[in-house]
C-alpha atoms as a PDB file:
ATOM      1  CA  MET A   1     184.216 -77.671 248.437  1.00  0.00           C
ATOM      2  CA  ALA A   2     184.413 -73.991 247.504  1.00  0.00           C
ATOM      3  CA  SER A   3     187.275 -71.998 248.951  1.00  0.00           C
ATOM      4  CA  ARG A   4     186.514 -69.187 251.397  1.00  0.00           C
ATOM      5  CA  LYS A   5     187.613 -65.701 250.423  1.00  0.00           C
ATOM      6  CA  HIS A   6     189.196 -63.624 253.145  1.00  0.00           C
ATOM      7  CA  LYS A   7     189.306 -59.809 253.127  1.00  0.00           C
ATOM      8  CA  SER A   8     192.940 -58.416 253.009  1.00  0.00           C
ATOM      9  CA  ILE A   9     193.814 -56.630 256.258  1.00  0.00           C
ATOM     10  CA  GLY A  10     195.468 -53.977 254.103  1.00  0.00           C
ATOM     11  CA  SER A  11     192.069 -53.118 252.773  1.00  0.00           C
ATOM     12  CA  ARG A  12     190.708 -51.653 255.925  1.00  0.00           C
ATOM     13  CA  PRO A  13     190.387 -48.034 256.332  1.00  0.00           C
ATOM     14  CA  THR A  14     192.655 -46.352 258.620  1.00  0.00           C
ATOM     15  CA  ALA A  15     192.180 -43.160 260.164  1.00  0.00           C
ATOM     16  CA  GLN A  16     194.595 -40.312 259.217  1.00  0.00           C
ATOM     17  CA  TYR A  17     194.391 -38.668 262.775  1.00  0.00           C
ATOM     18  CA  ASP A  18     193.972 -39.661 266.423  1.00  0.00           C
ATOM     19  CA  THR A  19     190.289 -39.703 266.522  1.00  0.00           C
ATOM     20  CA  ARG A  20     190.174 -40.013 270.349  1.00  0.00           C
ATOM     21  CA  ARG A  21     191.725 -36.558 270.574  1.00  0.00           C
ATOM     22  CA  PHE A  22     190.184 -34.733 267.619  1.00  0.00           C
ATOM     23  CA  HIS A  23     186.546 -34.995 266.311  1.00  0.00           C
ATOM     24  CA  SER A  24     187.477 -34.454 262.617  1.00  0.00           C
ATOM     25  CA  LEU A  25     190.352 -34.253 259.965  1.00  0.00           C
ATOM     26  CA  ASP A  26     189.688 -30.513 259.986  1.00  0.00           C
ATOM     27  CA  ALA A  27     190.449 -30.087 263.766  1.00  0.00           C
ATOM     28  CA  TRP A  28     193.589 -32.229 263.128  1.00  0.00           C
ATOM     29  CA  ASN A  29     194.759 -30.168 260.390  1.00  0.00           C
ATOM     30  CA  ARG A  30     194.080 -27.040 262.445  1.00  0.00           C
ATOM     31  CA  TYR A  31     196.057 -28.557 265.318  1.00  0.00           C
ATOM     32  CA  THR A  32     199.078 -29.444 263.457  1.00  0.00           C
ATOM     33  CA  ASP A  33     199.165 -26.541 260.949  1.00  0.00           C
ATOM     34  CA  ASN A  34     198.443 -23.755 263.505  1.00  0.00           C
ATOM     35  CA  VAL A  35     197.484 -24.415 267.100  1.00  0.00           C
ATOM     36  CA  LEU A  36     200.639 -26.753 268.024  1.00  0.00           C
ATOM     37  CA  GLY A  37     202.985 -23.804 267.393  1.00  0.00           C
ATOM     38  CA  ARG A  38     201.151 -21.319 269.578  1.00  0.00           C
ATOM     39  CA  ASN A  39     201.937 -20.427 273.106  1.00  0.00           C
ATOM     40  CA  ILE A  40     199.586 -20.301 275.970  1.00  0.00           C
ATOM     41  CA  LEU A  41     198.802 -17.195 278.182  1.00  0.00           C
ATOM     42  CA  PRO A  42     198.056 -18.411 281.672  1.00  0.00           C
ATOM     43  CA  GLU A  43     195.782 -16.641 284.166  1.00  0.00           C
ATOM     44  CA  ARG A  44     196.734 -15.104 287.465  1.00  0.00           C
ATOM     45  CA  LYS A  45     195.316 -15.799 290.916  1.00  0.00           C
ATOM     46  CA  VAL A  46     194.669 -12.834 293.318  1.00  0.00           C
ATOM     47  CA  GLU A  47     195.478 -13.143 296.950  1.00  0.00           C
ATOM     48  CA  LEU A  48     194.924  -9.961 299.029  1.00  0.00           C
ATOM     49  CA  TYR A  49     194.418  -9.837 302.709  1.00  0.00           C
ATOM     50  CA  HIS A  50     191.518  -7.806 304.451  1.00  0.00           C
ATOM     51  CA  THR A  51     192.230  -4.136 303.900  1.00  0.00           C
ATOM     52  CA  GLU A  52     194.918  -4.591 301.400  1.00  0.00           C
ATOM     53  CA  PHE A  53     193.893  -2.411 298.446  1.00  0.00           C
ATOM     54  CA  ASP A  54     190.188  -2.723 299.218  1.00  0.00           C
ATOM     55  CA  ASP A  55     189.367  -0.551 296.200  1.00  0.00           C
ATOM     56  CA  PHE A  56     190.224  -3.527 294.190  1.00  0.00           C
ATOM     57  CA  LYS A  57     189.456  -6.585 296.577  1.00  0.00           C
ATOM     58  CA  THR A  58     185.932  -5.368 297.577  1.00  0.00           C
ATOM     59  CA  GLU A  59     184.916  -4.872 293.685  1.00  0.00           C
ATOM     60  CA  LEU A  60     186.404  -8.316 292.883  1.00  0.00           C
ATOM     61  CA  GLU A  61     184.242  -9.879 295.633  1.00  0.00           C
ATOM     62  CA  ARG A  62     181.215  -8.121 294.490  1.00  0.00           C
ATOM     63  CA  ARG A  63     181.473  -9.521 291.114  1.00  0.00           C
ATOM     64  CA  ASN A  64     182.165 -12.931 292.499  1.00  0.00           C
ATOM     65  CA  LEU A  65     185.436 -13.245 290.445  1.00  0.00           C
ATOM     66  CA  GLN A  66     187.242 -14.686 293.536  1.00  0.00           C
ATOM     67  CA  LYS A  67     185.269 -17.696 293.566  1.00  0.00           C
ATOM     68  CA  ARG A  68     186.684 -19.338 290.528  1.00  0.00           C
ATOM     69  CA  LEU A  69     188.094 -16.964 287.966  1.00  0.00           C
ATOM     70  CA  THR A  70     191.020 -15.665 290.153  1.00  0.00           C
ATOM     71  CA  ASN A  71     191.253 -18.629 292.257  1.00  0.00           C
ATOM     72  CA  LEU A  72     192.249 -21.371 289.651  1.00  0.00           C
ATOM     73  CA  VAL A  73     194.637 -24.177 290.609  1.00  0.00           C
ATOM     74  CA  ASP A  74     198.327 -23.418 289.999  1.00  0.00           C
ATOM     75  CA  GLY A  75     200.569 -26.148 288.245  1.00  0.00           C
ATOM     76  CA  SER A  76     197.450 -27.789 286.692  1.00  0.00           C
ATOM     77  CA  ILE A  77     197.670 -26.553 283.054  1.00  0.00           C
ATOM     78  CA  ASP A  78     197.969 -29.484 280.536  1.00  0.00           C
ATOM     79  CA  VAL A  79     199.328 -27.519 277.540  1.00  0.00           C
ATOM     80  CA  ALA A  80     198.409 -30.432 275.281  1.00  0.00           C
ATOM     81  CA  LEU A  81     194.877 -30.625 276.387  1.00  0.00           C
ATOM     82  CA  VAL A  82     194.361 -26.916 276.082  1.00  0.00           C
ATOM     83  CA  LYS A  83     195.648 -27.156 272.348  1.00  0.00           C
ATOM     84  CA  GLU A  84     193.309 -29.984 271.623  1.00  0.00           C
ATOM     85  CA  PHE A  85     190.493 -27.841 273.032  1.00  0.00           C
ATOM     86  CA  TYR A  86     191.160 -24.972 270.710  1.00  0.00           C
ATOM     87  CA  ALA A  87     191.762 -27.253 267.701  1.00  0.00           C
ATOM     88  CA  ASN A  88     188.265 -28.793 268.228  1.00  0.00           C
ATOM     89  CA  LEU A  89     186.818 -25.580 268.601  1.00  0.00           C
ATOM     90  CA  TYR A  90     187.910 -24.117 265.600  1.00  0.00           C
ATOM     91  CA  ILE A  91     185.727 -24.079 262.556  1.00  0.00           C
ATOM     92  CA  SER A  92     186.484 -22.954 259.159  1.00  0.00           C
ATOM     93  CA  GLU A  93     183.058 -21.668 258.070  1.00  0.00           C
ATOM     94  CA  GLY A  94     179.867 -20.685 259.818  1.00  0.00           C
ATOM     95  CA  PRO A  95     179.252 -19.376 263.247  1.00  0.00           C
ATOM     96  CA  SER A  96     181.887 -20.202 266.007  1.00  0.00           C
ATOM     97  CA  PRO A  97     180.629 -23.251 268.130  1.00  0.00           C
ATOM     98  CA  LYS A  98     179.946 -22.859 271.764  1.00  0.00           C
ATOM     99  CA  GLN A  99     181.234 -26.084 272.736  1.00  0.00           C
ATOM    100  CA  ALA A 100     184.182 -28.717 271.880  1.00  0.00           C
ATOM    101  CA  LYS A 101     184.553 -32.426 272.248  1.00  0.00           C
ATOM    102  CA  VAL A 102     187.717 -33.204 274.089  1.00  0.00           C
ATOM    103  CA  ARG A 103     188.647 -36.704 274.379  1.00  0.00           C
ATOM    104  CA  GLY A 104     185.119 -37.884 274.299  1.00  0.00           C
ATOM    105  CA  HIS A 105     183.727 -35.516 276.440  1.00  0.00           C
ATOM    106  CA  LEU A 106     181.601 -32.366 275.633  1.00  0.00           C
ATOM    107  CA  VAL A 107     182.948 -29.088 277.038  1.00  0.00           C
ATOM    108  CA  LYS A 108     180.479 -26.275 276.930  1.00  0.00           C
ATOM    109  CA  ILE A 109     181.590 -22.717 276.963  1.00  0.00           C
ATOM    110  CA  ASP A 110     178.242 -20.928 276.109  1.00  0.00           C
ATOM    111  CA  ILE A 111     177.228 -17.928 278.195  1.00  0.00           C
ATOM    112  CA  ASP A 112     175.059 -19.888 280.870  1.00  0.00           C
ATOM    113  CA  SER A 113     177.467 -22.665 281.335  1.00  0.00           C
ATOM    114  CA  LEU A 114     180.373 -20.398 281.945  1.00  0.00           C
ATOM    115  CA  ASN A 115     178.454 -18.113 284.420  1.00  0.00           C
ATOM    116  CA  THR A 116     177.213 -21.157 286.214  1.00  0.00           C
ATOM    117  CA  PHE A 117     180.623 -22.723 286.416  1.00  0.00           C
ATOM    118  CA  LEU A 118     182.332 -19.355 287.413  1.00  0.00           C
ATOM    119  CA  GLU A 119     179.615 -18.657 289.733  1.00  0.00           C
ATOM    120  CA  THR A 120     179.187 -15.240 288.178  1.00  0.00           C
ATOM    121  CA  PRO A 121     175.433 -14.449 287.863  1.00  0.00           C
ATOM    122  CA  VAL A 122     174.139 -11.897 285.461  1.00  0.00           C
ATOM    123  CA  VAL A 123     173.042  -8.692 287.289  1.00  0.00           C
ATOM    124  CA  LEU A 124     170.246  -6.693 285.750  1.00  0.00           C
ATOM    125  CA  ALA A 125     168.561  -3.401 286.733  1.00  0.00           C
ATOM    126  CA  GLU A 126     165.086  -3.443 287.214  1.00  0.00           C
ATOM    127  CA  GLY A 127     163.139  -3.393 283.996  1.00  0.00           C
ATOM    128  CA  GLU A 128     166.341  -3.990 281.982  1.00  0.00           C
ATOM    129  CA  THR A 129     167.146  -7.017 279.850  1.00  0.00           C
ATOM    130  CA  LEU A 130     170.958  -6.488 279.637  1.00  0.00           C
ATOM    131  CA  PRO A 131     173.735  -5.597 282.047  1.00  0.00           C
ATOM    132  CA  THR A 132     174.927  -1.997 282.320  1.00  0.00           C
ATOM    133  CA  TYR A 133     178.123  -2.692 280.537  1.00  0.00           C
ATOM    134  CA  SER A 134     176.214  -4.349 277.706  1.00  0.00           C
ATOM    135  CA  ARG A 135     174.238  -1.316 277.079  1.00  0.00           C
ATOM    136  CA  TYR A 136     177.124   1.090 277.668  1.00  0.00           C
ATOM    137  CA  CYS A 137     179.064  -0.662 274.737  1.00  0.00           C
ATOM    138  CA  ARG A 138     176.479   0.179 272.046  1.00  0.00           C
ATOM    139  CA  LEU A 139     176.727   3.986 272.561  1.00  0.00           C
ATOM    140  CA  PRO A 140     179.711   6.129 271.671  1.00  0.00           C
ATOM    141  CA  SER A 141     182.075   6.652 274.713  1.00  0.00           C
ATOM    142  CA  ASP A 142     183.123  10.079 276.102  1.00  0.00           C
ATOM    143  CA  PRO A 143     186.945   9.918 276.170  1.00  0.00           C
ATOM    144  CA  ARG A 144     187.147  12.753 278.795  1.00  0.00           C
ATOM    145  CA  GLU A 145     184.755  10.568 281.055  1.00  0.00           C
ATOM    146  CA  ILE A 146     187.221   7.549 280.594  1.00  0.00           C
ATOM    147  CA  GLU A 147     190.302   9.650 281.237  1.00  0.00           C
ATOM    148  CA  ALA A 148     188.802  11.178 284.400  1.00  0.00           C
ATOM    149  CA  ALA A 149     188.083   7.715 285.809  1.00  0.00           C
ATOM    150  CA  LEU A 150     191.430   5.794 284.675  1.00  0.00           C
ATOM    151  CA  CYS A 151     194.238   8.430 284.375  1.00  0.00           C
ATOM    152  CA  ILE A 152     196.473  10.646 286.507  1.00  0.00           C
ATOM    153  CA  PRO A 153     194.731  14.214 286.376  1.00  0.00           C
ATOM    154  CA  GLY A 154     195.986  15.990 283.378  1.00  0.00           C
ATOM    155  CA  ARG A 155     196.905  12.870 281.379  1.00  0.00           C
ATOM    156  CA  GLY A 156     194.972  10.866 278.945  1.00  0.00           C
ATOM    157  CA  PHE A 157     194.518   9.342 275.473  1.00  0.00           C
ATOM    158  CA  ILE A 158     197.405   9.945 272.991  1.00  0.00           C
ATOM    159  CA  LEU A 159     195.712  10.962 269.699  1.00  0.00           C
ATOM    160  CA  ASN A 160     196.202   9.070 266.613  1.00  0.00           C
ATOM    161  CA  ALA A 161     196.880  10.454 263.044  1.00  0.00           C
ATOM    162  CA  GLU A 162     193.356  11.361 262.391  1.00  0.00           C
ATOM    163  CA  GLY A 163     193.047  13.346 265.798  1.00  0.00           C
ATOM    164  CA  HIS A 164     191.051  10.540 267.498  1.00  0.00           C
ATOM    165  CA  PRO A 165     191.904   9.010 270.990  1.00  0.00           C
ATOM    166  CA  GLY A 166     194.201   6.097 270.146  1.00  0.00           C
ATOM    167  CA  ARG A 167     195.919   4.583 273.253  1.00  0.00           C
ATOM    168  CA  ILE A 168     196.429   5.512 276.977  1.00  0.00           C
ATOM    169  CA  GLN A 169     200.036   4.833 278.158  1.00  0.00           C
ATOM    170  CA  ARG A 170     200.497   2.426 281.197  1.00  0.00           C
ATOM    171  CA  LYS A 171     202.543   5.253 282.981  1.00  0.00           C
ATOM    172  CA  ASP A 172     199.507   7.439 282.724  1.00  0.00           C
ATOM    173  CA  LEU A 173     197.049   5.134 284.610  1.00  0.00           C
ATOM    174  CA  MET A 174     196.069   5.424 288.047  1.00  0.00           C
ATOM    175  CA  THR A 175     196.924   2.567 290.332  1.00  0.00           C
ATOM    176  CA  LEU A 176     193.463   0.955 290.490  1.00  0.00           C
ATOM    177  CA  ALA A 177     193.199   1.119 286.706  1.00  0.00           C
ATOM    178  CA  GLN A 178     196.609  -0.535 286.350  1.00  0.00           C
ATOM    179  CA  VAL A 179     195.566  -3.566 288.637  1.00  0.00           C
ATOM    180  CA  TRP A 180     192.394  -4.019 286.855  1.00  0.00           C
ATOM    181  CA  SER A 181     194.275  -3.850 283.341  1.00  0.00           C
ATOM    182  CA  VAL A 182     196.892  -6.488 284.505  1.00  0.00           C
ATOM    183  CA  LEU A 183     193.952  -8.792 285.571  1.00  0.00           C
ATOM    184  CA  SER A 184     192.175  -8.347 282.225  1.00  0.00           C
ATOM    185  CA  TYR A 185     195.293  -9.085 280.182  1.00  0.00           C
ATOM    186  CA  SER A 186     195.230 -12.697 281.596  1.00  0.00           C
ATOM    187  CA  ASN A 187     191.806 -13.343 283.091  1.00  0.00           C
ATOM    188  CA  LEU A 188     189.199 -11.553 281.086  1.00  0.00           C
ATOM    189  CA  ALA A 189     190.376 -10.594 277.616  1.00  0.00           C
ATOM    190  CA  PRO A 190     193.909 -12.382 277.188  1.00  0.00           C
ATOM    191  CA  THR A 191     196.608 -10.412 275.341  1.00  0.00           C
ATOM    192  CA  SER A 192     200.263 -10.047 275.249  1.00  0.00           C
ATOM    193  CA  HIS A 193     199.900  -6.268 274.422  1.00  0.00           C
ATOM    194  CA  THR A 194     200.309  -4.856 277.836  1.00  0.00           C
ATOM    195  CA  PHE A 195     202.207  -1.652 277.569  1.00  0.00           C
ATOM    196  CA  ASP A 196     199.082   0.626 276.847  1.00  0.00           C
ATOM    197  CA  LEU A 197     195.404   0.600 276.563  1.00  0.00           C
ATOM    198  CA  THR A 198     193.623   0.493 273.272  1.00  0.00           C
ATOM    199  CA  VAL A 199     190.220   2.252 273.083  1.00  0.00           C
ATOM    200  CA  ASP A 200     188.420  -0.869 273.396  1.00  0.00           C
ATOM    201  CA  ARG A 201     190.360  -2.047 276.290  1.00  0.00           C
ATOM    202  CA  ALA A 202     190.143   1.338 278.043  1.00  0.00           C
ATOM    203  CA  ARG A 203     186.320   0.844 277.674  1.00  0.00           C
ATOM    204  CA  LEU A 204     186.531  -2.367 279.607  1.00  0.00           C
ATOM    205  CA  ILE A 205     188.707  -1.079 282.412  1.00  0.00           C
ATOM    206  CA  PHE A 206     186.347   1.927 282.737  1.00  0.00           C
ATOM    207  CA  GLY A 207     183.351  -0.469 283.074  1.00  0.00           C
ATOM    208  CA  LEU A 208     185.255  -2.403 285.965  1.00  0.00           C
ATOM    209  CA  VAL A 209     186.513   0.739 287.684  1.00  0.00           C
ATOM    210  CA  SER A 210     183.156   2.438 287.273  1.00  0.00           C
ATOM    211  CA  ARG A 211     181.438  -0.795 288.942  1.00  0.00           C
ATOM    212  CA  MET A 212     179.243  -1.529 285.929  1.00  0.00           C
ATOM    213  CA  ASP A 213     177.780  -4.903 286.098  1.00  0.00           C
ATOM    214  CA  ILE A 214     179.198  -6.923 283.295  1.00  0.00           C
ATOM    215  CA  ASN A 215     177.973 -10.458 281.934  1.00  0.00           C
ATOM    216  CA  ILE A 216     181.488 -12.289 282.600  1.00  0.00           C
ATOM    217  CA  GLY A 217     180.372 -15.448 280.753  1.00  0.00           C
ATOM    218  CA  ALA A 218     179.544 -13.652 277.707  1.00  0.00           C
ATOM    219  CA  LEU A 219     182.936 -11.880 277.601  1.00  0.00           C
ATOM    220  CA  ILE A 220     185.013 -15.047 278.163  1.00  0.00           C
ATOM    221  CA  SER A 221     182.838 -17.011 275.722  1.00  0.00           C
ATOM    222  CA  SER A 222     183.358 -14.412 272.973  1.00  0.00           C
ATOM    223  CA  GLN A 223     187.094 -14.491 273.797  1.00  0.00           C
ATOM    224  CA  MET A 224     187.647 -18.090 273.621  1.00  0.00           C
ATOM    225  CA  THR A 225     185.944 -18.376 270.302  1.00  0.00           C
ATOM    226  CA  SER A 226     187.871 -15.259 268.902  1.00  0.00           C
ATOM    227  CA  ILE A 227     191.231 -17.009 269.968  1.00  0.00           C
ATOM    228  CA  ALA A 228     190.028 -20.295 268.346  1.00  0.00           C
ATOM    229  CA  GLN A 229     189.475 -18.487 265.137  1.00  0.00           C
ATOM    230  CA  SER A 230     192.674 -16.440 265.278  1.00  0.00           C
ATOM    231  CA  ASN A 231     195.753 -17.588 263.583  1.00  0.00           C
ATOM    232  CA  SER A 232     198.367 -15.992 265.846  1.00  0.00           C
ATOM    233  CA  SER A 233     197.039 -14.898 269.327  1.00  0.00           C
ATOM    234  CA  ARG A 234     198.337 -16.585 272.345  1.00  0.00           C
ATOM    235  CA  LEU A 235     195.978 -19.368 273.738  1.00  0.00           C
ATOM    236  CA  GLY A 236     194.277 -17.650 276.766  1.00  0.00           C
ATOM    237  CA  PHE A 237     192.321 -19.156 279.732  1.00  0.00           C
ATOM    238  CA  PRO A 238     194.417 -22.356 279.866  1.00  0.00           C
ATOM    239  CA  ALA A 239     193.647 -23.068 283.760  1.00  0.00           C
ATOM    240  CA  LEU A 240     189.967 -22.259 283.137  1.00  0.00           C
ATOM    241  CA  ILE A 241     189.921 -24.780 280.212  1.00  0.00           C
ATOM    242  CA  ILE A 242     191.607 -27.325 282.188  1.00  0.00           C
ATOM    243  CA  ALA A 243     189.194 -26.918 285.095  1.00  0.00           C
ATOM    244  CA  LEU A 244     186.028 -27.162 282.569  1.00  0.00           C
ATOM    245  CA  CYS A 245     187.620 -30.313 281.190  1.00  0.00           C
ATOM    246  CA  ARG A 246     187.949 -31.925 284.640  1.00  0.00           C
ATOM    247  CA  ALA A 247     184.491 -31.026 285.553  1.00  0.00           C
ATOM    248  CA  ARG A 248     183.292 -32.960 282.464  1.00  0.00           C
ATOM    249  CA  GLY A 249     185.398 -35.970 283.278  1.00  0.00           C
ATOM    250  CA  VAL A 250     188.305 -35.467 280.809  1.00  0.00           C
ATOM    251  CA  VAL A 251     191.474 -37.451 282.048  1.00  0.00           C
ATOM    252  CA  SER A 252     194.801 -35.759 281.472  1.00  0.00           C
ATOM    253  CA  ASP A 253     197.872 -38.184 280.719  1.00  0.00           C
ATOM    254  CA  SER A 254     200.594 -35.482 280.658  1.00  0.00           C
ATOM    255  CA  LEU A 255     203.508 -35.792 283.050  1.00  0.00           C
ATOM    256  CA  THR A 256     204.321 -32.160 283.197  1.00  0.00           C
ATOM    257  CA  PHE A 257     202.074 -29.138 283.806  1.00  0.00           C
ATOM    258  CA  GLU A 258     202.372 -25.431 283.356  1.00  0.00           C
ATOM    259  CA  ARG A 259     202.098 -22.859 286.172  1.00  0.00           C
ATOM    260  CA  LEU A 260     199.886 -19.603 286.356  1.00  0.00           C
ATOM    261  CA  SER A 261     201.212 -16.187 285.701  1.00  0.00           C
ATOM    262  CA  PRO A 262     202.665 -14.436 288.925  1.00  0.00           C
ATOM    263  CA  ILE A 263     200.169 -13.854 291.502  1.00  0.00           C
ATOM    264  CA  ILE A 264     198.561 -10.666 292.030  1.00  0.00           C
ATOM    265  CA  ASN A 265     199.012  -9.651 295.697  1.00  0.00           C
ATOM    266  CA  LEU A 266     200.093  -6.496 297.478  1.00  0.00           C
ATOM    267  CA  THR A 267     203.730  -7.061 296.734  1.00  0.00           C
ATOM    268  CA  TYR A 268     203.064  -7.488 292.788  1.00  0.00           C
ATOM    269  CA  ILE A 269     200.779  -4.475 292.901  1.00  0.00           C
ATOM    270  CA  ARG A 270     203.387  -2.223 294.866  1.00  0.00           C
ATOM    271  CA  LYS A 271     206.098  -3.273 292.172  1.00  0.00           C
ATOM    272  CA  ASN A 272     204.153  -3.341 289.028  1.00  0.00           C
ATOM    273  CA  CYS A 273     200.937  -1.400 289.294  1.00  0.00           C
ATOM    274  CA  TRP A 274     201.470   1.530 291.958  1.00  0.00           C
ATOM    275  CA  ASN A 275     201.967   4.860 290.178  1.00  0.00           C
ATOM    276  CA  PRO A 276     203.631   7.314 292.484  1.00  0.00           C
ATOM    277  CA  ASP A 277     201.874  10.029 290.868  1.00  0.00           C
ATOM    278  CA  ASP A 278     198.455   8.793 291.863  1.00  0.00           C
ATOM    279  CA  LEU A 279     198.139  10.726 295.023  1.00  0.00           C
ATOM    280  CA  ARG A 280     194.818   9.102 296.011  1.00  0.00           C
ATOM    281  CA  VAL A 281     196.576   5.663 296.850  1.00  0.00           C
ATOM    282  CA  ALA A 282     199.340   5.269 299.339  1.00  0.00           C
ATOM    283  CA  ILE A 283     201.045   1.811 299.306  1.00  0.00           C
ATOM    284  CA  ARG A 284     203.742   1.319 301.844  1.00  0.00           C
ATOM    285  CA  GLY A 285     204.268  -2.484 301.865  1.00  0.00           C
ATOM    286  CA  ALA A 286     202.668  -5.122 303.666  1.00  0.00           C
ATOM    287  CA  ARG A 287     203.598  -5.398 307.367  1.00  0.00           C
ATOM    288  CA  ARG A 288     202.920  -8.576 309.403  1.00  0.00           C
ATOM    289  CA  ALA A 289     202.422  -8.866 313.181  1.00  0.00           C
ATOM    290  CA  ARG A 290     205.114 -10.997 314.862  1.00  0.00           C
ATOM    291  CA  ALA A 291     204.058 -13.741 317.248  1.00  0.00           C
ATOM    292  CA  ARG A 292     205.163 -13.152 320.829  1.00  0.00           C
ATOM    293  CA  ALA A 293     207.232 -15.786 322.566  1.00  0.00           C
ATOM    294  CA  ARG A 294     205.037 -18.098 324.490  1.00  0.00           C
ATOM    295  CA  PRO A 295     205.689 -20.827 327.251  1.00  0.00           C
ATOM    296  CA  ALA A 296     206.372 -24.178 325.709  1.00  0.00           C
ATOM    297  CA  ASP A 297     203.247 -25.563 327.546  1.00  0.00           C
ATOM    298  CA  LEU A 298     200.925 -23.320 325.933  1.00  0.00           C
ATOM    299  CA  PRO A 299     199.362 -23.841 322.628  1.00  0.00           C
ATOM    300  CA  SER A 300     200.486 -21.646 319.826  1.00  0.00           C
ATOM    301  CA  THR A 301     197.895 -19.389 317.771  1.00  0.00           C
ATOM    302  CA  SER A 302     198.199 -18.243 314.267  1.00  0.00           C
ATOM    303  CA  ILE A 303     198.700 -14.354 313.990  1.00  0.00           C
ATOM    304  CA  ALA A 304     196.649 -12.748 311.400  1.00  0.00           C
ATOM    305  CA  PRO A 305     198.313 -10.441 308.969  1.00  0.00           C
ATOM    306  CA  THR A 306     198.295  -6.692 309.961  1.00  0.00           C
ATOM    307  CA  PRO A 307     196.463  -4.551 307.488  1.00  0.00           C
ATOM    308  CA  VAL A 308     198.618  -2.634 305.216  1.00  0.00           C
ATOM    309  CA  SER A 309     198.057   1.150 304.969  1.00  0.00           C
ATOM    310  CA  THR A 310     196.090   1.817 301.844  1.00  0.00           C
ATOM    311  CA  SER A 311     194.503   5.264 301.311  1.00  0.00           C
ATOM    312  CA  ALA A 312     190.705   5.103 301.298  1.00  0.00           C
ATOM    313  CA  ALA A 313     190.494   8.584 299.608  1.00  0.00           C
ATOM    314  CA  PHE A 314     190.456   6.719 296.012  1.00  0.00           C
ATOM    315  CA  SER A 315     186.714   7.090 294.708  1.00  0.00           C
ATOM    316  CA  VAL A 316     185.251   6.212 291.294  1.00  0.00           C
ATOM    317  CA  PRO A 317     181.761   7.039 289.931  1.00  0.00           C
ATOM    318  CA  THR A 318     179.068   4.444 291.276  1.00  0.00           C
ATOM    319  CA  GLN A 319     176.096   5.713 289.354  1.00  0.00           C
ATOM    320  CA  MET A 320     176.063   6.177 285.620  1.00  0.00           C
ATOM    321  CA  ASP A 321     173.513   7.844 283.396  1.00  0.00           C
ATOM    322  CA  SER A 322     171.192   5.085 282.686  1.00  0.00           C
ATOM    323  CA  GLN A 323     170.059   6.599 279.412  1.00  0.00           C
ATOM    324  CA  ARG A 324     173.609   6.187 277.981  1.00  0.00           C
ATOM    325  CA  PHE A 325     173.480   2.408 278.065  1.00  0.00           C
ATOM    326  CA  GLU A 326     171.229   0.659 275.408  1.00  0.00           C
ATOM    327  CA  ALA A 327     172.917  -2.261 273.897  1.00  0.00           C
ATOM    328  CA  MET A 328     174.698  -5.678 273.686  1.00  0.00           C
ATOM    329  CA  LEU A 329     178.154  -6.637 275.200  1.00  0.00           C
ATOM    330  CA  GLN A 330     181.154  -6.336 273.107  1.00  0.00           C
ATOM    331  CA  SER A 331     184.501  -7.994 273.067  1.00  0.00           C
ATOM    332  CA  ILE A 332     187.941  -6.524 272.886  1.00  0.00           C
ATOM    333  CA  HIS A 333     190.020  -9.263 271.641  1.00  0.00           C
ATOM    334  CA  GLN A 334     192.654  -7.909 269.406  1.00  0.00           C
ATOM    335  CA  GLY A 335     190.962  -4.645 269.270  1.00  0.00           C
ATOM    336  CA  GLN A 336     187.938  -6.016 267.358  1.00  0.00           C
ATOM    337  CA  ILE A 337     184.373  -5.343 268.802  1.00  0.00           C
ATOM    338  CA  HIS A 338     181.808  -8.066 268.559  1.00  0.00           C
ATOM    339  CA  SER A 339     178.177  -8.174 269.711  1.00  0.00           C
ATOM    340  CA  PHE A 340     177.089 -10.572 272.532  1.00  0.00           C
ATOM    341  CA  HIS A 341     173.655 -12.060 272.788  1.00  0.00           C
END
């Protein structure tokens, strides 16, 4: 009787990487060679009571940013999962993908998917196909117009060696511009460069302060792909990425989680954003009503916080010349301008 031949166990092919976590060998190499050693840049929550710095709070709510983007779960950031996401999003050649497979689940970061998840619908003026800010970004900007909206009177851009507008120092920004800048550094266009505004970021803050409608999904989608393709920038949107992963059924197996960056509240604004030279805004600190003593047999009731005194004199342009806006949205990641579709 002929003997049977058995295949050697050693002849079976073995994967060179964890196929459950990485969709390809390129993604694994990207993870080990680059992404693993990069730090995250967590987002911030915003918590402001009614009448506490309404110039900022009201506009935040008008844009629906309070729904998810500035209300992410604290202490939920699984750093390993965030790094897997960025490694799988990376591509060495061709256009950047708008989705990444994370532990067997497809996580989409295209414009429509992000706007749906964040509850930030695209607002278009009648007869227009692009939001106001998208059209604004294609045309040359007027530095004096930006300075008038963002800076303390008499201050503005520092000129570069060629005599062109270069940067705006943080100390020269009005309070409202400083608050929007802080939020942009972590939740809109992540960067660790926070001591002044580049021209591109100044245009973004100008759009926010001037109440231009912005395609938030387009901005964040472009930022994520730029971060994935970058070799050195910090990994932004970690809490949003975790929220997107969990919504798709991705299960985390980490035992430790990172927290968000310090919260933006009135105390933070007063300490880090209020410019005493900004005479349009007066912040004297939060005051809360004290509960009066009640008989033991009466039920207690919660006492709402007393509104803080915030000057209502601050005003910014609400209408822009519609003929100046004809274009596509651009990002500001690392000072580079990219077009959005």
